[in-house]
Amino acid sequence: MLNDVFIELPVNSTVKWLNPAPYWETDIGLCRIKPASETDFWRETYFGHTADNGHALLASFSGNVVISTEIIFSPQQDYDQAGLMIRLSDKNWIKFSLELEPDKTIKLGTTVTSQGVSDWSGEIIDDISMPITLIAEISSGACLLSMRYGDGLPNTVRITPFIAVKSGDMWAGIYAACPRQSGFVANFENTSMRVIK
């Protein structure tokens, strides 16, 4: 069952695929996704194109939640990416992910898409030899994004507005994409979503 990927979920949460990957497998607390070629999430800014065909396994929620996942990242092609997705619609979403850049650095990138326009920021990640945990706290009309190396303390990366809507309209979970050539497999472990006050 898809619900097994999440070690914790809000009561009555529904889990579904947005654009199922050609290859994926799940177990309790584990998900592996091999994205198809030419997949991504992006809208308009700078590049002038829109892509909404990345692969995301999302759980419904309402109110305030924290979602987190542990990623083992072994990219092969430029722009291979894996991380968290928070989504209201195709024009309003956030992706928070690890991504391989053309200069072969790994960046922790945040794309905030509002009213159909994407805004990206990123910082270099020096070490992906250990698991990296990505965390998104969605509360009080905002989203606080942070990351953690191994068992270390979380480090805040970005705070951005994110307006909650009615129950059933909000989704969050894990995603992966290969804007160029397919080949890498994204490994997610200990994904959870818990309600907060």
N, C-alpha and C. Protein backbone atom coordinates (compact mmCIF):
# COMPACT_ATOMS: atom_id res chain seq x y z
N MET A 1 0.83 -1.20 0.00
CA MET A 1 0.00 0.00 0.00
C MET A 1 0.86 1.26 0.00
N LEU A 2 0.39 2.28 -0.70
CA LEU A 2 1.13 3.54 -0.76
C LEU A 2 1.27 4.18 0.61
N ASN A 3 0.27 4.00 1.46
CA ASN A 3 0.32 4.59 2.81
C ASN A 3 1.52 4.10 3.60
N ASP A 4 2.01 2.89 3.29
CA ASP A 4 3.12 2.32 4.05
C ASP A 4 4.42 3.11 3.90
N VAL A 5 4.51 3.92 2.84
CA VAL A 5 5.71 4.74 2.65
C VAL A 5 5.87 5.73 3.80
N PHE A 6 4.74 6.19 4.34
CA PHE A 6 4.75 7.17 5.43
C PHE A 6 4.70 6.44 6.76
N ILE A 7 5.69 6.69 7.62
CA ILE A 7 5.69 6.04 8.92
C ILE A 7 4.71 6.71 9.87
N GLU A 8 4.24 7.91 9.51
CA GLU A 8 3.21 8.61 10.27
C GLU A 8 2.41 9.47 9.30
N LEU A 9 1.07 9.46 9.48
CA LEU A 9 0.17 10.24 8.64
C LEU A 9 -0.98 10.78 9.49
N PRO A 10 -1.56 11.93 9.12
CA PRO A 10 -2.77 12.39 9.80
C PRO A 10 -3.92 11.41 9.57
N VAL A 11 -4.84 11.37 10.51
CA VAL A 11 -6.03 10.53 10.37
C VAL A 11 -6.78 10.95 9.10
N ASN A 12 -7.26 9.98 8.36
CA ASN A 12 -8.05 10.20 7.14
C ASN A 12 -7.25 10.79 5.97
N SER A 13 -5.94 10.79 6.06
CA SER A 13 -5.13 11.26 4.94
C SER A 13 -5.18 10.25 3.80
N THR A 14 -5.25 10.74 2.58
CA THR A 14 -5.23 9.92 1.38
C THR A 14 -3.88 10.06 0.70
N VAL A 15 -3.32 8.96 0.22
CA VAL A 15 -2.03 8.99 -0.47
C VAL A 15 -2.24 8.62 -1.93
N LYS A 16 -1.65 9.41 -2.83
CA LYS A 16 -1.81 9.12 -4.26
C LYS A 16 -0.59 9.60 -5.03
N TRP A 17 -0.45 9.08 -6.24
CA TRP A 17 0.60 9.52 -7.16
C TRP A 17 0.13 10.72 -7.96
N LEU A 18 1.03 11.66 -8.16
CA LEU A 18 0.92 12.65 -9.22
C LEU A 18 1.96 12.24 -10.25
N ASN A 19 1.53 11.79 -11.40
CA ASN A 19 2.43 11.31 -12.46
C ASN A 19 3.26 10.11 -11.98
N PRO A 20 2.68 8.93 -11.86
CA PRO A 20 3.44 7.76 -11.40
C PRO A 20 4.70 7.53 -12.24
N ALA A 21 5.78 7.18 -11.57
CA ALA A 21 7.04 6.90 -12.26
C ALA A 21 6.94 5.58 -13.02
N PRO A 22 7.74 5.40 -14.08
CA PRO A 22 7.72 4.12 -14.79
C PRO A 22 8.23 2.97 -13.93
N TYR A 23 9.11 3.29 -12.98
CA TYR A 23 9.57 2.28 -12.03
C TYR A 23 9.55 2.87 -10.63
N TRP A 24 8.92 2.16 -9.72
CA TRP A 24 8.95 2.55 -8.32
C TRP A 24 8.65 1.32 -7.48
N GLU A 25 9.12 1.34 -6.25
CA GLU A 25 8.78 0.27 -5.31
C GLU A 25 8.70 0.86 -3.91
N THR A 26 7.86 0.25 -3.11
CA THR A 26 7.66 0.74 -1.75
C THR A 26 7.73 -0.42 -0.76
N ASP A 27 8.04 -0.06 0.45
CA ASP A 27 7.99 -0.97 1.59
C ASP A 27 7.65 -0.09 2.78
N ILE A 28 7.55 -0.66 3.95
CA ILE A 28 7.21 0.13 5.12
C ILE A 28 8.32 1.14 5.38
N GLY A 29 7.98 2.41 5.30
CA GLY A 29 8.93 3.48 5.55
C GLY A 29 9.96 3.70 4.46
N LEU A 30 9.75 3.11 3.28
CA LEU A 30 10.75 3.18 2.21
C LEU A 30 10.07 3.38 0.86
N CYS A 31 10.68 4.20 0.01
CA CYS A 31 10.21 4.34 -1.37
C CYS A 31 11.40 4.58 -2.28
N ARG A 32 11.44 3.85 -3.39
CA ARG A 32 12.45 4.06 -4.43
C ARG A 32 11.73 4.51 -5.69
N ILE A 33 12.23 5.60 -6.29
CA ILE A 33 11.62 6.13 -7.51
C ILE A 33 12.71 6.28 -8.56
N LYS A 34 12.48 5.69 -9.75
CA LYS A 34 13.36 5.91 -10.90
C LYS A 34 12.61 6.79 -11.89
N PRO A 35 12.95 8.08 -11.94
CA PRO A 35 12.17 8.99 -12.79
C PRO A 35 12.40 8.74 -14.28
N ALA A 36 11.40 9.09 -15.06
CA ALA A 36 11.53 9.07 -16.52
C ALA A 36 12.38 10.25 -16.99
N SER A 37 12.88 10.15 -18.21
CA SER A 37 13.62 11.27 -18.81
C SER A 37 12.70 12.46 -19.04
N GLU A 38 13.29 13.65 -19.05
CA GLU A 38 12.59 14.89 -19.38
C GLU A 38 11.40 15.14 -18.47
N THR A 39 11.62 14.91 -17.17
CA THR A 39 10.58 15.19 -16.17
C THR A 39 11.06 16.28 -15.23
N ASP A 40 10.13 17.12 -14.79
CA ASP A 40 10.50 18.24 -13.92
C ASP A 40 9.24 18.90 -13.39
N PHE A 41 9.44 19.82 -12.44
CA PHE A 41 8.40 20.75 -12.01
C PHE A 41 9.00 22.15 -12.12
N TRP A 42 8.42 22.98 -12.96
CA TRP A 42 8.90 24.36 -13.15
C TRP A 42 7.84 25.14 -13.92
N ARG A 43 7.78 26.47 -13.66
CA ARG A 43 6.84 27.30 -14.41
C ARG A 43 7.48 28.63 -14.81
N GLU A 44 7.74 28.76 -16.09
CA GLU A 44 7.99 30.01 -16.80
C GLU A 44 9.30 30.74 -16.51
N THR A 45 9.58 31.08 -15.25
CA THR A 45 10.63 32.04 -14.93
C THR A 45 11.97 31.70 -15.60
N TYR A 46 12.57 32.68 -16.22
CA TYR A 46 13.90 32.64 -16.83
C TYR A 46 13.98 31.71 -18.05
N PHE A 47 13.58 30.44 -17.87
CA PHE A 47 13.71 29.46 -18.94
C PHE A 47 12.58 29.54 -19.95
N GLY A 48 11.46 30.14 -19.56
CA GLY A 48 10.35 30.35 -20.47
C GLY A 48 9.54 29.11 -20.79
N HIS A 49 9.65 28.07 -19.99
CA HIS A 49 8.85 26.87 -20.25
C HIS A 49 8.17 26.41 -18.96
N THR A 50 7.20 25.53 -19.13
CA THR A 50 6.49 24.95 -18.00
C THR A 50 6.61 23.44 -18.05
N ALA A 51 6.95 22.83 -16.92
CA ALA A 51 6.97 21.37 -16.79
C ALA A 51 6.22 21.00 -15.51
N ASP A 52 5.34 20.04 -15.62
CA ASP A 52 4.58 19.58 -14.46
C ASP A 52 4.43 18.06 -14.51
N ASN A 53 5.51 17.40 -14.92
CA ASN A 53 5.45 15.95 -15.14
C ASN A 53 6.43 15.16 -14.29
N GLY A 54 7.02 15.78 -13.26
CA GLY A 54 7.81 15.01 -12.30
C GLY A 54 6.93 14.03 -11.55
N HIS A 55 7.55 13.13 -10.81
CA HIS A 55 6.82 12.06 -10.13
C HIS A 55 6.74 12.37 -8.64
N ALA A 56 5.52 12.49 -8.10
CA ALA A 56 5.34 12.84 -6.69
C ALA A 56 4.35 11.90 -6.03
N LEU A 57 4.73 11.39 -4.87
CA LEU A 57 3.83 10.58 -4.05
C LEU A 57 3.38 11.47 -2.90
N LEU A 58 2.10 11.84 -2.91
CA LEU A 58 1.59 12.90 -2.05
C LEU A 58 0.49 12.41 -1.12
N ALA A 59 0.45 13.00 0.07
CA ALA A 59 -0.59 12.71 1.06
C ALA A 59 -1.40 13.98 1.30
N SER A 60 -2.70 13.82 1.43
CA SER A 60 -3.58 14.97 1.68
C SER A 60 -3.48 15.39 3.14
N PHE A 61 -3.70 16.68 3.38
CA PHE A 61 -3.71 17.18 4.75
C PHE A 61 -4.49 18.48 4.82
N SER A 62 -4.84 18.86 6.04
CA SER A 62 -5.42 20.17 6.30
C SER A 62 -4.82 20.68 7.60
N GLY A 63 -4.83 21.98 7.80
CA GLY A 63 -4.27 22.53 9.02
C GLY A 63 -2.76 22.57 8.99
N ASN A 64 -2.17 22.50 10.17
CA ASN A 64 -0.72 22.64 10.32
C ASN A 64 -0.05 21.27 10.42
N VAL A 65 1.00 21.07 9.64
CA VAL A 65 1.71 19.78 9.65
C VAL A 65 3.21 20.00 9.50
N VAL A 66 3.96 18.97 9.87
CA VAL A 66 5.38 18.87 9.55
C VAL A 66 5.57 17.61 8.73
N ILE A 67 6.22 17.75 7.58
CA ILE A 67 6.54 16.59 6.76
C ILE A 67 8.05 16.50 6.63
N SER A 68 8.57 15.29 6.71
CA SER A 68 10.02 15.10 6.59
C SER A 68 10.32 13.80 5.86
N THR A 69 11.50 13.75 5.26
CA THR A 69 11.96 12.53 4.61
C THR A 69 13.48 12.50 4.64
N GLU A 70 14.02 11.30 4.68
CA GLU A 70 15.47 11.08 4.64
C GLU A 70 15.82 10.61 3.23
N ILE A 71 16.77 11.30 2.59
CA ILE A 71 17.11 11.01 1.20
C ILE A 71 18.53 10.47 1.09
N ILE A 72 18.67 9.39 0.32
CA ILE A 72 19.98 8.92 -0.11
C ILE A 72 20.06 9.25 -1.59
N PHE A 73 20.98 10.17 -1.94
CA PHE A 73 20.98 10.82 -3.25
C PHE A 73 22.23 10.45 -4.03
N SER A 74 22.04 9.77 -5.17
CA SER A 74 23.15 9.37 -6.04
C SER A 74 22.82 9.75 -7.48
N PRO A 75 22.89 11.05 -7.81
CA PRO A 75 22.49 11.50 -9.14
C PRO A 75 23.47 11.06 -10.22
N GLN A 76 22.98 11.01 -11.46
CA GLN A 76 23.82 10.63 -12.59
C GLN A 76 23.91 11.71 -13.66
N GLN A 77 22.81 12.42 -13.89
CA GLN A 77 22.76 13.43 -14.95
C GLN A 77 22.50 14.81 -14.35
N ASP A 78 22.92 15.85 -15.08
CA ASP A 78 22.65 17.22 -14.65
C ASP A 78 21.17 17.40 -14.35
N TYR A 79 20.91 18.06 -13.26
CA TYR A 79 19.56 18.43 -12.80
C TYR A 79 18.74 17.27 -12.23
N ASP A 80 19.32 16.06 -12.12
CA ASP A 80 18.63 15.01 -11.35
C ASP A 80 18.28 15.58 -9.99
N GLN A 81 17.08 15.29 -9.50
CA GLN A 81 16.62 15.91 -8.26
C GLN A 81 15.67 15.01 -7.49
N ALA A 82 15.67 15.19 -6.17
CA ALA A 82 14.78 14.41 -5.30
C ALA A 82 14.55 15.20 -4.02
N GLY A 83 13.31 15.18 -3.53
CA GLY A 83 13.03 15.92 -2.31
C GLY A 83 11.56 15.92 -1.93
N LEU A 84 11.14 17.01 -1.29
CA LEU A 84 9.77 17.19 -0.83
C LEU A 84 8.99 18.06 -1.80
N MET A 85 7.70 17.78 -1.91
CA MET A 85 6.77 18.60 -2.69
C MET A 85 5.58 18.95 -1.81
N ILE A 86 5.24 20.24 -1.77
CA ILE A 86 4.02 20.71 -1.10
C ILE A 86 3.19 21.37 -2.18
N ARG A 87 1.92 20.98 -2.32
CA ARG A 87 1.18 21.36 -3.53
C ARG A 87 -0.27 21.72 -3.23
N LEU A 88 -0.66 22.88 -3.75
CA LEU A 88 -2.07 23.29 -3.76
C LEU A 88 -2.68 23.03 -5.14
N SER A 89 -1.91 23.33 -6.19
CA SER A 89 -2.39 23.19 -7.56
C SER A 89 -1.17 23.21 -8.48
N ASP A 90 -1.42 23.09 -9.79
CA ASP A 90 -0.31 23.13 -10.73
C ASP A 90 0.35 24.50 -10.80
N LYS A 91 -0.31 25.53 -10.27
CA LYS A 91 0.24 26.88 -10.30
C LYS A 91 0.71 27.37 -8.94
N ASN A 92 0.52 26.56 -7.90
CA ASN A 92 0.90 26.95 -6.54
C ASN A 92 1.49 25.75 -5.80
N TRP A 93 2.81 25.73 -5.68
CA TRP A 93 3.48 24.60 -5.04
C TRP A 93 4.89 24.98 -4.63
N ILE A 94 5.48 24.12 -3.80
CA ILE A 94 6.86 24.28 -3.36
C ILE A 94 7.58 22.95 -3.57
N LYS A 95 8.79 23.00 -4.12
CA LYS A 95 9.64 21.81 -4.09
C LYS A 95 10.93 22.17 -3.37
N PHE A 96 11.39 21.25 -2.54
CA PHE A 96 12.55 21.44 -1.67
C PHE A 96 13.40 20.21 -1.85
N SER A 97 14.55 20.34 -2.54
CA SER A 97 15.20 19.12 -3.03
C SER A 97 16.70 19.26 -3.22
N LEU A 98 17.34 18.11 -3.29
CA LEU A 98 18.74 18.00 -3.71
C LEU A 98 18.78 17.91 -5.23
N GLU A 99 19.78 18.56 -5.84
CA GLU A 99 19.85 18.61 -7.29
C GLU A 99 21.31 18.67 -7.75
N LEU A 100 21.63 17.90 -8.78
CA LEU A 100 22.97 17.92 -9.37
C LEU A 100 23.06 19.05 -10.39
N GLU A 101 24.01 19.95 -10.21
CA GLU A 101 24.20 21.08 -11.11
C GLU A 101 25.19 20.73 -12.23
N PRO A 102 25.19 21.50 -13.33
CA PRO A 102 26.13 21.21 -14.44
C PRO A 102 27.60 21.25 -14.04
N ASP A 103 27.94 22.04 -13.00
CA ASP A 103 29.34 22.07 -12.54
C ASP A 103 29.66 20.93 -11.58
N LYS A 104 28.71 19.99 -11.44
CA LYS A 104 28.83 18.77 -10.63
C LYS A 104 28.77 19.03 -9.13
N THR A 105 28.39 20.21 -8.72
CA THR A 105 28.07 20.44 -7.31
C THR A 105 26.65 19.95 -7.05
N ILE A 106 26.39 19.63 -5.79
CA ILE A 106 25.04 19.30 -5.36
C ILE A 106 24.48 20.53 -4.66
N LYS A 107 23.29 20.93 -5.07
CA LYS A 107 22.65 22.07 -4.41
C LYS A 107 21.37 21.63 -3.73
N LEU A 108 21.12 22.26 -2.58
CA LEU A 108 19.83 22.14 -1.92
C LEU A 108 19.01 23.30 -2.44
N GLY A 109 18.03 22.99 -3.26
CA GLY A 109 17.26 24.04 -3.93
C GLY A 109 15.84 24.13 -3.40
N THR A 110 15.32 25.34 -3.41
CA THR A 110 13.93 25.59 -3.05
C THR A 110 13.27 26.33 -4.20
N THR A 111 12.21 25.75 -4.75
CA THR A 111 11.41 26.43 -5.76
C THR A 111 10.05 26.72 -5.17
N VAL A 112 9.71 28.00 -5.09
CA VAL A 112 8.39 28.43 -4.63
C VAL A 112 7.64 28.94 -5.85
N THR A 113 6.57 28.27 -6.20
CA THR A 113 5.77 28.66 -7.36
C THR A 113 4.45 29.21 -6.87
N SER A 114 4.18 30.46 -7.23
CA SER A 114 2.97 31.15 -6.78
C SER A 114 2.30 31.80 -7.99
N GLN A 115 1.01 31.53 -8.16
CA GLN A 115 0.23 32.08 -9.27
C GLN A 115 0.90 31.82 -10.61
N GLY A 116 1.50 30.64 -10.74
CA GLY A 116 2.03 30.20 -12.02
C GLY A 116 3.42 30.66 -12.36
N VAL A 117 4.15 31.23 -11.39
CA VAL A 117 5.51 31.72 -11.65
C VAL A 117 6.46 31.13 -10.60
N SER A 118 7.57 30.53 -11.05
CA SER A 118 8.51 29.87 -10.14
C SER A 118 9.64 30.81 -9.72
N ASP A 119 10.05 30.65 -8.45
CA ASP A 119 11.17 31.40 -7.85
C ASP A 119 12.10 30.35 -7.25
N TRP A 120 13.38 30.36 -7.63
CA TRP A 120 14.32 29.34 -7.17
C TRP A 120 15.46 29.97 -6.39
N SER A 121 15.88 29.29 -5.33
CA SER A 121 17.11 29.65 -4.62
C SER A 121 17.81 28.36 -4.22
N GLY A 122 19.14 28.44 -4.06
CA GLY A 122 19.87 27.21 -3.74
C GLY A 122 21.16 27.48 -3.01
N GLU A 123 21.64 26.45 -2.32
CA GLU A 123 22.93 26.53 -1.64
C GLU A 123 23.67 25.21 -1.84
N ILE A 124 24.99 25.28 -1.89
CA ILE A 124 25.80 24.09 -2.15
C ILE A 124 25.81 23.16 -0.94
N ILE A 125 25.67 21.87 -1.20
CA ILE A 125 25.78 20.83 -0.19
C ILE A 125 27.13 20.14 -0.38
N ASP A 126 27.95 20.16 0.64
CA ASP A 126 29.32 19.65 0.51
C ASP A 126 29.43 18.14 0.61
N ASP A 127 28.49 17.49 1.29
CA ASP A 127 28.66 16.07 1.59
C ASP A 127 27.33 15.35 1.47
N ILE A 128 27.24 14.42 0.52
CA ILE A 128 26.03 13.60 0.43
C ILE A 128 26.34 12.14 0.75
N SER A 129 27.46 11.91 1.43
CA SER A 129 27.83 10.54 1.79
C SER A 129 26.95 9.99 2.91
N MET A 130 26.33 10.88 3.67
CA MET A 130 25.40 10.46 4.72
C MET A 130 23.99 10.89 4.33
N PRO A 131 22.98 10.23 4.89
CA PRO A 131 21.60 10.63 4.57
C PRO A 131 21.34 12.08 4.97
N ILE A 132 20.53 12.74 4.16
CA ILE A 132 20.11 14.11 4.43
C ILE A 132 18.61 14.12 4.63
N THR A 133 18.18 14.71 5.73
CA THR A 133 16.75 14.81 6.03
C THR A 133 16.26 16.20 5.66
N LEU A 134 15.19 16.24 4.87
CA LEU A 134 14.53 17.49 4.52
C LEU A 134 13.24 17.60 5.33
N ILE A 135 12.96 18.80 5.83
CA ILE A 135 11.82 19.01 6.73
C ILE A 135 11.07 20.25 6.27
N ALA A 136 9.74 20.15 6.19
CA ALA A 136 8.89 21.29 5.87
C ALA A 136 7.81 21.41 6.93
N GLU A 137 7.77 22.55 7.60
CA GLU A 137 6.71 22.85 8.56
C GLU A 137 5.76 23.84 7.92
N ILE A 138 4.51 23.42 7.78
CA ILE A 138 3.49 24.26 7.15
C ILE A 138 2.53 24.70 8.24
N SER A 139 2.55 25.99 8.57
CA SER A 139 1.69 26.49 9.65
C SER A 139 1.57 28.00 9.54
N SER A 140 0.45 28.52 10.03
CA SER A 140 0.22 29.96 10.13
C SER A 140 0.46 30.70 8.82
N GLY A 141 0.04 30.08 7.71
CA GLY A 141 0.17 30.74 6.41
C GLY A 141 1.57 30.80 5.87
N ALA A 142 2.48 29.99 6.42
CA ALA A 142 3.87 30.01 5.98
C ALA A 142 4.42 28.59 5.93
N CYS A 143 5.56 28.45 5.25
CA CYS A 143 6.26 27.17 5.18
C CYS A 143 7.71 27.40 5.59
N LEU A 144 8.15 26.72 6.64
CA LEU A 144 9.53 26.79 7.12
C LEU A 144 10.25 25.54 6.63
N LEU A 145 11.32 25.72 5.86
CA LEU A 145 12.06 24.62 5.27
C LEU A 145 13.41 24.49 5.94
N SER A 146 13.76 23.27 6.35
CA SER A 146 15.05 23.04 6.99
C SER A 146 15.62 21.69 6.56
N MET A 147 16.93 21.51 6.82
CA MET A 147 17.59 20.26 6.47
C MET A 147 18.50 19.84 7.61
N ARG A 148 18.82 18.53 7.62
CA ARG A 148 19.67 17.98 8.67
C ARG A 148 20.60 16.93 8.06
N TYR A 149 21.90 17.01 8.40
CA TYR A 149 22.86 15.97 8.03
C TYR A 149 22.82 14.87 9.09
N GLY A 150 22.67 13.63 8.68
CA GLY A 150 22.74 12.52 9.61
C GLY A 150 21.88 12.75 10.84
N ASP A 151 22.49 12.64 12.02
CA ASP A 151 21.77 12.85 13.28
C ASP A 151 21.97 14.25 13.84
N GLY A 152 22.47 15.16 13.02
CA GLY A 152 22.73 16.53 13.47
C GLY A 152 21.46 17.33 13.71
N LEU A 153 21.64 18.59 14.05
CA LEU A 153 20.52 19.48 14.31
C LEU A 153 20.01 20.07 13.00
N PRO A 154 18.70 20.34 12.91
CA PRO A 154 18.16 20.96 11.69
C PRO A 154 18.70 22.37 11.49
N ASN A 155 18.88 22.73 10.24
CA ASN A 155 19.33 24.07 9.86
C ASN A 155 18.25 24.70 8.97
N THR A 156 17.73 25.86 9.38
CA THR A 156 16.70 26.54 8.60
C THR A 156 17.28 27.04 7.28
N VAL A 157 16.57 26.76 6.19
CA VAL A 157 17.02 27.14 4.85
C VAL A 157 16.19 28.30 4.30
N ARG A 158 14.89 28.26 4.51
CA ARG A 158 14.03 29.30 3.94
C ARG A 158 12.69 29.32 4.67
N ILE A 159 12.11 30.51 4.77
CA ILE A 159 10.74 30.70 5.23
C ILE A 159 10.01 31.45 4.13
N THR A 160 8.86 30.92 3.72
CA THR A 160 8.12 31.54 2.62
C THR A 160 6.62 31.51 2.90
N PRO A 161 5.86 32.49 2.42
CA PRO A 161 4.40 32.43 2.58
C PRO A 161 3.84 31.20 1.87
N PHE A 162 2.83 30.60 2.48
CA PHE A 162 2.13 29.48 1.86
C PHE A 162 0.76 29.40 2.51
N ILE A 163 -0.26 29.83 1.79
CA ILE A 163 -1.58 30.00 2.37
C ILE A 163 -2.36 28.69 2.34
N ALA A 164 -2.83 28.26 3.50
CA ALA A 164 -3.63 27.04 3.60
C ALA A 164 -5.02 27.27 3.00
N VAL A 165 -5.59 26.19 2.50
CA VAL A 165 -6.94 26.24 1.95
C VAL A 165 -7.78 25.14 2.60
N LYS A 166 -8.96 24.92 2.08
CA LYS A 166 -9.88 23.96 2.69
C LYS A 166 -9.32 22.54 2.68
N SER A 167 -9.84 21.74 3.59
CA SER A 167 -9.43 20.35 3.70
C SER A 167 -9.58 19.62 2.37
N GLY A 168 -8.60 18.80 2.06
CA GLY A 168 -8.65 18.02 0.84
C GLY A 168 -7.97 18.67 -0.34
N ASP A 169 -7.66 19.95 -0.22
CA ASP A 169 -7.03 20.67 -1.33
C ASP A 169 -5.52 20.74 -1.22
N MET A 170 -4.96 20.34 -0.08
CA MET A 170 -3.52 20.45 0.13
C MET A 170 -2.88 19.07 0.14
N TRP A 171 -1.69 19.00 -0.47
CA TRP A 171 -0.98 17.74 -0.60
C TRP A 171 0.50 17.96 -0.33
N ALA A 172 1.15 16.98 0.25
CA ALA A 172 2.59 17.05 0.45
C ALA A 172 3.17 15.64 0.45
N GLY A 173 4.43 15.54 0.05
CA GLY A 173 5.07 14.23 0.02
C GLY A 173 6.44 14.30 -0.62
N ILE A 174 6.82 13.21 -1.25
CA ILE A 174 8.15 13.08 -1.86
C ILE A 174 8.04 13.15 -3.37
N TYR A 175 9.14 13.58 -4.01
CA TYR A 175 9.12 13.63 -5.47
C TYR A 175 10.53 13.40 -6.01
N ALA A 176 10.58 13.04 -7.28
CA ALA A 176 11.86 12.92 -7.99
C ALA A 176 11.63 13.24 -9.46
N ALA A 177 12.69 13.73 -10.12
CA ALA A 177 12.59 14.09 -11.52
C ALA A 177 13.96 14.02 -12.19
N CYS A 178 13.95 13.78 -13.50
CA CYS A 178 15.15 13.78 -14.34
C CYS A 178 14.91 14.70 -15.53
N PRO A 179 15.22 15.99 -15.41
CA PRO A 179 14.98 16.89 -16.54
C PRO A 179 15.72 16.50 -17.82
N ARG A 180 16.80 15.75 -17.69
CA ARG A 180 17.52 15.28 -18.87
C ARG A 180 17.28 13.79 -19.09
N GLN A 181 18.26 12.95 -18.76
CA GLN A 181 18.18 11.53 -19.08
C GLN A 181 17.90 10.70 -17.84
N SER A 182 16.98 9.75 -17.97
CA SER A 182 16.68 8.83 -16.87
C SER A 182 17.90 7.98 -16.55
N GLY A 183 17.96 7.52 -15.30
CA GLY A 183 19.05 6.63 -14.91
C GLY A 183 19.20 6.49 -13.41
N PHE A 184 19.03 7.60 -12.68
CA PHE A 184 19.25 7.50 -11.24
C PHE A 184 17.98 7.05 -10.52
N VAL A 185 18.18 6.50 -9.33
CA VAL A 185 17.07 6.07 -8.47
C VAL A 185 17.13 6.89 -7.19
N ALA A 186 16.02 7.52 -6.85
CA ALA A 186 15.92 8.30 -5.61
C ALA A 186 15.42 7.38 -4.50
N ASN A 187 16.12 7.38 -3.38
CA ASN A 187 15.75 6.55 -2.23
C ASN A 187 15.28 7.43 -1.08
N PHE A 188 14.06 7.18 -0.63
CA PHE A 188 13.46 7.93 0.47
C PHE A 188 13.18 6.97 1.63
N GLU A 189 13.53 7.39 2.83
CA GLU A 189 13.27 6.57 4.02
C GLU A 189 12.65 7.42 5.11
N ASN A 190 11.90 6.76 5.98
CA ASN A 190 11.33 7.39 7.19
C ASN A 190 10.54 8.66 6.88
N THR A 191 9.80 8.63 5.79
CA THR A 191 8.95 9.77 5.45
C THR A 191 7.78 9.83 6.42
N SER A 192 7.51 11.01 6.94
CA SER A 192 6.40 11.15 7.89
C SER A 192 5.71 12.49 7.71
N MET A 193 4.44 12.52 8.09
CA MET A 193 3.67 13.75 8.15
C MET A 193 2.89 13.72 9.45
N ARG A 194 3.12 14.72 10.29
CA ARG A 194 2.41 14.76 11.57
C ARG A 194 1.76 16.11 11.77
N VAL A 195 0.64 16.07 12.43
CA VAL A 195 -0.13 17.29 12.72
C VAL A 195 0.53 18.04 13.87
N ILE A 196 0.60 19.36 13.75
CA ILE A 196 1.11 20.21 14.83
C ILE A 196 0.07 21.27 15.15
N LYS A 197 0.19 21.89 16.31
CA LYS A 197 -0.77 22.93 16.71
C LYS A 197 -0.36 24.28 16.15
